[in-house]
Structure formats: C-alpha cells, structure tokens
Amino acid sequence: MKRIRSLIMLVLVLCLSLTMFVGCSKDETKKETDSEKKNEEESKETQLPDMKKLCEDMLAADKSLPEMSVVYGSDENGSDLFQYLADFDVDKVEDFFFAYATEGTAEEIAVVYLKDEDDTEDLEEAIEDHVEGRIIQFRTYDPSQVERCEDAVIEAKDNYVILIIADEAKDVKAVFDEQ
C-alpha cells in the first residue's frame, strides 16, 4: 500500500512539474513573440533615413550645382560643423547632412532629422537666421548670390527640417518629398 501511495505521489509530482514547465514555456514564448513584435515596431518607427543616399539623390537633382562639400552627422567632426548651419543644440539632432558649395557660392542643401518633432520650429528659425547671415555676407562680397539666398527653401516635415539654396530648388525638394 505504501508503494502504491508513493507511486501515485511520484506520478502527481511529475504531472505537476510537466504542467508547470509546459505552462511557463508557452507564456515565455508568447512574451518573447510579443516583445519581438514590439521591438520590430519601435525599430520601424525609429529607423533613420539613409542620409548619404538622400544627399546623393538630392544633389543629383540639380545639374547646375557647383562642386559641393558634404558634412554628415556621423562624421568625426559633424557635431562641430553643424553649428555653421544653425545655432541650435546638436544634442537634439538625430542625424543630418549639410552640403555646401566648395567654391564659396551660395548653394547649400541640408536635411536634419530631429529626435523630437517639437523642436522643428526652433530649428527652422535657427536656419532662417543662418540664411539671413548669408544674405548680409553676400551683399558685401558677392551680390550676385543674394537672390539665391533670398529664394531659400526652409521647411519642416515630421522630424525633418530642410534647407535648399539652389537654382533648381523645386527639383531638389521633389527628391526629398519622395523619400
């Protein structure tokens, strides 16, 4: 009788153990799956644009652009050079590119991706100040460039702020709008 009781207890303990393992593994699998889905969604939301490709495509849209130098946010000194574009807290910037005419003419194209969409208005104002400074500078040493600066395109879209100073600004902006 003791043997039967011991055998029944052993079977019960094994059944409970199996139930516990099976129950836990299903929940963990479900949690992992839910967690993986959540991570994928967050990854899609925070996926950064390919600034190098975007830059190349935007520059190619205006065949009249002179030779352009480019600074990327990922460059070693990118954060320091960002200050040339805008007097703005670079810690609020997720990524950017800034292309400017190597020979010192007015052409500039920049795309800035901000960490927080609420900061776009402040950045737009800072870029407007930059353009005003360029207009003052060109009035002094190359008045032929002033009109280009006065026609600058500065816009915000979601977390992006763009600056386009180019003869074919409409074509350059169309490339940005397509991305």
Foldseek 3Di string as FASTA:
>chain_A
DVVVVVVVVVVVVVVVVVVVVVVVVVVVVVVVVVVVVVVVVVCVVPPDDPQVVLVVVLVVLAPPAADKDKAKCPDPCNLVCVVLQFPDDCVQWPMKMWIDHPVPADWIKMKTFGPAQVCLVVRLVRNLVSLVVVLVVCVPPPNVRNVLSVPWDWDDDRRMTIIGRDPPSVRSVVSVVVD
